[in-house]
Amino acid sequence: MNCVYMLRCGDGSLYTGWTNDLARRMRAHQAGKGGKYTRSRLPAALVWHEDCASREEAMSREWHLKRLTREEKLKLVGQAQETEGENP
């Protein structure tokens, strides 16, 4: 399944990426092999992700998310965490 995701790095910054295997990508990030940006900012924790229907959709969504301000990204992350905290 393709998805786009955000990580909170050890320095408090946010990293946005896409993958077709989130678990494998997270293992790579934690091992310091996920990306040049996150390598020097470990640990990195997954704070948000969204499934996408295709690779193209995931790449497009990543492109749009990377253009958001930090405040807009934090709002998106906060909304996702509020939703996860609700009981269905």
N, C-alpha and C. Protein backbone atom coordinates (compact mmCIF):
# COMPACT_ATOMS: atom_id res chain seq x y z
N MET A 1 0.84 -1.18 0.00
CA MET A 1 0.00 0.00 0.00
C MET A 1 0.88 1.24 0.00
N ASN A 2 0.62 2.13 -0.90
CA ASN A 2 1.35 3.40 -0.97
C ASN A 2 0.82 4.35 0.09
N CYS A 3 1.72 5.09 0.69
CA CYS A 3 1.29 6.08 1.67
C CYS A 3 2.28 7.22 1.76
N VAL A 4 1.80 8.31 2.31
CA VAL A 4 2.62 9.47 2.60
C VAL A 4 2.67 9.57 4.12
N TYR A 5 3.79 10.04 4.66
CA TYR A 5 3.95 10.03 6.12
C TYR A 5 4.76 11.23 6.58
N MET A 6 4.63 11.51 7.88
CA MET A 6 5.44 12.55 8.51
C MET A 6 6.11 11.97 9.75
N LEU A 7 7.36 12.36 9.91
CA LEU A 7 8.14 11.98 11.09
C LEU A 7 8.49 13.23 11.88
N ARG A 8 8.55 13.09 13.20
CA ARG A 8 9.10 14.15 14.03
C ARG A 8 10.52 13.68 14.39
N CYS A 9 11.48 14.45 13.97
CA CYS A 9 12.89 14.11 14.18
C CYS A 9 13.33 14.51 15.59
N GLY A 10 14.47 14.01 15.99
CA GLY A 10 15.01 14.27 17.31
C GLY A 10 15.22 15.74 17.61
N ASP A 11 15.43 16.56 16.58
CA ASP A 11 15.62 17.99 16.79
C ASP A 11 14.30 18.77 16.73
N GLY A 12 13.17 18.03 16.64
CA GLY A 12 11.85 18.67 16.61
C GLY A 12 11.35 19.01 15.22
N SER A 13 12.18 18.85 14.21
CA SER A 13 11.75 19.15 12.84
C SER A 13 10.84 18.04 12.32
N LEU A 14 10.11 18.36 11.25
CA LEU A 14 9.21 17.40 10.62
C LEU A 14 9.77 16.99 9.27
N TYR A 15 9.67 15.71 8.96
CA TYR A 15 10.12 15.16 7.68
C TYR A 15 8.93 14.53 7.01
N THR A 16 8.73 14.80 5.73
CA THR A 16 7.63 14.23 4.97
C THR A 16 8.19 13.36 3.86
N GLY A 17 7.61 12.18 3.68
CA GLY A 17 8.04 11.28 2.63
C GLY A 17 6.90 10.39 2.18
N TRP A 18 7.17 9.55 1.20
CA TRP A 18 6.17 8.57 0.74
C TRP A 18 6.88 7.23 0.60
N THR A 19 6.10 6.16 0.65
CA THR A 19 6.65 4.82 0.53
C THR A 19 5.56 3.85 0.11
N ASN A 20 5.96 2.67 -0.33
CA ASN A 20 4.99 1.61 -0.61
C ASN A 20 5.04 0.53 0.47
N ASP A 21 5.89 0.73 1.49
CA ASP A 21 5.98 -0.21 2.62
C ASP A 21 6.41 0.59 3.85
N LEU A 22 5.44 1.07 4.61
CA LEU A 22 5.73 1.96 5.73
C LEU A 22 6.58 1.30 6.81
N ALA A 23 6.29 0.06 7.14
CA ALA A 23 7.06 -0.63 8.18
C ALA A 23 8.53 -0.75 7.79
N ARG A 24 8.80 -1.13 6.54
CA ARG A 24 10.18 -1.25 6.06
C ARG A 24 10.86 0.11 6.05
N ARG A 25 10.14 1.13 5.62
CA ARG A 25 10.72 2.48 5.56
C ARG A 25 11.06 2.99 6.95
N MET A 26 10.19 2.72 7.92
CA MET A 26 10.46 3.13 9.30
C MET A 26 11.70 2.43 9.85
N ARG A 27 11.84 1.13 9.56
CA ARG A 27 13.05 0.42 10.00
C ARG A 27 14.30 1.05 9.39
N ALA A 28 14.21 1.44 8.13
CA ALA A 28 15.34 2.08 7.46
C ALA A 28 15.67 3.43 8.12
N HIS A 29 14.64 4.22 8.41
CA HIS A 29 14.88 5.51 9.07
C HIS A 29 15.55 5.29 10.43
N GLN A 30 15.04 4.35 11.21
CA GLN A 30 15.59 4.11 12.55
C GLN A 30 17.03 3.59 12.49
N ALA A 31 17.37 2.90 11.41
CA ALA A 31 18.73 2.38 11.25
C ALA A 31 19.67 3.43 10.67
N GLY A 32 19.16 4.62 10.40
CA GLY A 32 19.99 5.67 9.84
C GLY A 32 20.19 5.56 8.35
N LYS A 33 19.34 4.77 7.68
CA LYS A 33 19.47 4.55 6.24
C LYS A 33 18.24 5.01 5.48
N GLY A 34 17.36 5.74 6.15
CA GLY A 34 16.10 6.14 5.52
C GLY A 34 16.21 7.34 4.63
N GLY A 35 17.01 8.28 4.98
CA GLY A 35 17.13 9.49 4.19
C GLY A 35 18.23 10.37 4.76
N LYS A 36 18.83 11.12 3.90
CA LYS A 36 19.93 11.99 4.31
C LYS A 36 19.49 12.96 5.41
N TYR A 37 18.28 13.51 5.27
CA TYR A 37 17.79 14.48 6.24
C TYR A 37 17.63 13.85 7.62
N THR A 38 16.99 12.70 7.69
CA THR A 38 16.70 12.09 9.00
C THR A 38 17.93 11.43 9.63
N ARG A 39 18.88 11.05 8.82
CA ARG A 39 20.07 10.35 9.30
C ARG A 39 20.77 11.10 10.44
N SER A 40 20.86 12.41 10.30
CA SER A 40 21.56 13.20 11.32
C SER A 40 20.62 13.76 12.38
N ARG A 41 19.34 13.38 12.31
CA ARG A 41 18.35 13.94 13.25
C ARG A 41 17.59 12.85 14.01
N LEU A 42 18.21 11.70 14.19
CA LEU A 42 17.56 10.60 14.90
C LEU A 42 17.45 10.92 16.38
N PRO A 43 16.49 10.34 17.08
CA PRO A 43 15.50 9.39 16.57
C PRO A 43 14.39 10.10 15.81
N ALA A 44 13.71 9.35 14.98
CA ALA A 44 12.58 9.88 14.21
C ALA A 44 11.35 9.03 14.54
N ALA A 45 10.27 9.71 14.88
CA ALA A 45 9.04 9.00 15.27
C ALA A 45 7.93 9.32 14.26
N LEU A 46 7.20 8.31 13.88
CA LEU A 46 6.07 8.48 12.99
C LEU A 46 4.96 9.24 13.72
N VAL A 47 4.52 10.37 13.17
CA VAL A 47 3.47 11.15 13.82
C VAL A 47 2.20 11.25 12.97
N TRP A 48 2.30 10.87 11.68
CA TRP A 48 1.14 10.97 10.81
C TRP A 48 1.39 10.15 9.55
N HIS A 49 0.35 9.52 9.05
CA HIS A 49 0.44 8.87 7.73
C HIS A 49 -0.94 8.81 7.11
N GLU A 50 -0.95 8.67 5.80
CA GLU A 50 -2.20 8.64 5.04
C GLU A 50 -2.02 7.66 3.88
N ASP A 51 -2.93 6.70 3.75
CA ASP A 51 -2.87 5.76 2.65
C ASP A 51 -3.29 6.44 1.35
N CYS A 52 -2.69 6.01 0.26
CA CYS A 52 -2.99 6.56 -1.06
C CYS A 52 -3.28 5.39 -2.01
N ALA A 53 -4.10 5.66 -2.99
CA ALA A 53 -4.52 4.62 -3.93
C ALA A 53 -3.41 4.20 -4.89
N SER A 54 -2.47 5.08 -5.18
CA SER A 54 -1.42 4.77 -6.15
C SER A 54 -0.12 5.47 -5.78
N ARG A 55 0.93 5.06 -6.43
CA ARG A 55 2.23 5.69 -6.24
C ARG A 55 2.17 7.16 -6.64
N GLU A 56 1.52 7.43 -7.75
CA GLU A 56 1.41 8.80 -8.23
C GLU A 56 0.67 9.69 -7.24
N GLU A 57 -0.40 9.16 -6.65
CA GLU A 57 -1.17 9.92 -5.66
C GLU A 57 -0.31 10.21 -4.42
N ALA A 58 0.46 9.21 -3.98
CA ALA A 58 1.33 9.40 -2.80
C ALA A 58 2.40 10.46 -3.09
N MET A 59 2.99 10.40 -4.27
CA MET A 59 4.03 11.37 -4.63
C MET A 59 3.45 12.78 -4.75
N SER A 60 2.26 12.89 -5.30
CA SER A 60 1.61 14.19 -5.42
C SER A 60 1.26 14.75 -4.05
N ARG A 61 0.72 13.90 -3.18
CA ARG A 61 0.35 14.34 -1.83
C ARG A 61 1.60 14.79 -1.07
N GLU A 62 2.71 14.04 -1.21
CA GLU A 62 3.97 14.43 -0.56
C GLU A 62 4.40 15.81 -1.05
N TRP A 63 4.35 16.03 -2.35
CA TRP A 63 4.74 17.30 -2.95
C TRP A 63 3.94 18.45 -2.34
N HIS A 64 2.62 18.24 -2.21
CA HIS A 64 1.76 19.28 -1.64
C HIS A 64 2.05 19.50 -0.15
N LEU A 65 2.25 18.42 0.59
CA LEU A 65 2.52 18.54 2.02
C LEU A 65 3.84 19.26 2.29
N LYS A 66 4.83 19.03 1.46
CA LYS A 66 6.12 19.68 1.66
C LYS A 66 6.04 21.19 1.47
N ARG A 67 5.00 21.66 0.83
CA ARG A 67 4.83 23.09 0.62
C ARG A 67 4.02 23.78 1.71
N LEU A 68 3.51 22.99 2.67
CA LEU A 68 2.79 23.57 3.80
C LEU A 68 3.77 24.23 4.76
N THR A 69 3.28 25.18 5.51
CA THR A 69 4.11 25.77 6.55
C THR A 69 4.23 24.78 7.71
N ARG A 70 5.17 25.01 8.58
CA ARG A 70 5.32 24.16 9.77
C ARG A 70 4.03 24.15 10.59
N GLU A 71 3.41 25.32 10.75
CA GLU A 71 2.17 25.42 11.51
C GLU A 71 1.06 24.59 10.88
N GLU A 72 0.96 24.61 9.57
CA GLU A 72 -0.06 23.82 8.88
C GLU A 72 0.20 22.32 9.05
N LYS A 73 1.46 21.93 8.99
CA LYS A 73 1.80 20.52 9.20
C LYS A 73 1.47 20.09 10.63
N LEU A 74 1.79 20.93 11.60
CA LEU A 74 1.50 20.60 13.00
C LEU A 74 0.00 20.49 13.23
N LYS A 75 -0.77 21.33 12.56
CA LYS A 75 -2.23 21.25 12.68
C LYS A 75 -2.73 19.91 12.13
N LEU A 76 -2.20 19.49 10.98
CA LEU A 76 -2.57 18.21 10.39
C LEU A 76 -2.21 17.06 11.33
N VAL A 77 -1.02 17.10 11.90
CA VAL A 77 -0.58 16.07 12.84
C VAL A 77 -1.48 16.07 14.08
N GLY A 78 -1.80 17.25 14.59
CA GLY A 78 -2.66 17.35 15.76
C GLY A 78 -4.05 16.80 15.52
N GLN A 79 -4.61 17.06 14.36
CA GLN A 79 -5.93 16.55 14.02
C GLN A 79 -5.91 15.03 13.95
N ALA A 80 -4.85 14.48 13.40
CA ALA A 80 -4.74 13.02 13.30
C ALA A 80 -4.63 12.40 14.68
N GLN A 81 -3.88 13.02 15.58
CA GLN A 81 -3.72 12.47 16.92
C GLN A 81 -5.00 12.57 17.72
N GLU A 82 -5.79 13.64 17.51
CA GLU A 82 -7.09 13.76 18.17
C GLU A 82 -8.03 12.65 17.71
N THR A 83 -8.02 12.35 16.42
CA THR A 83 -8.88 11.32 15.85
C THR A 83 -8.50 9.94 16.40
N GLU A 84 -7.20 9.67 16.51
CA GLU A 84 -6.73 8.38 17.02
C GLU A 84 -7.11 8.20 18.48
N GLY A 85 -7.23 9.29 19.22
CA GLY A 85 -7.56 9.23 20.63
C GLY A 85 -9.03 8.97 20.90
N GLU A 86 -9.87 9.14 19.88
CA GLU A 86 -11.31 8.91 20.06
C GLU A 86 -11.61 7.42 20.02
N ASN A 87 -12.60 7.02 20.77
CA ASN A 87 -13.04 5.63 20.75
C ASN A 87 -14.15 5.48 19.71
N PRO A 88 -14.01 4.51 18.79
CA PRO A 88 -15.04 4.35 17.75
C PRO A 88 -16.33 3.80 18.31
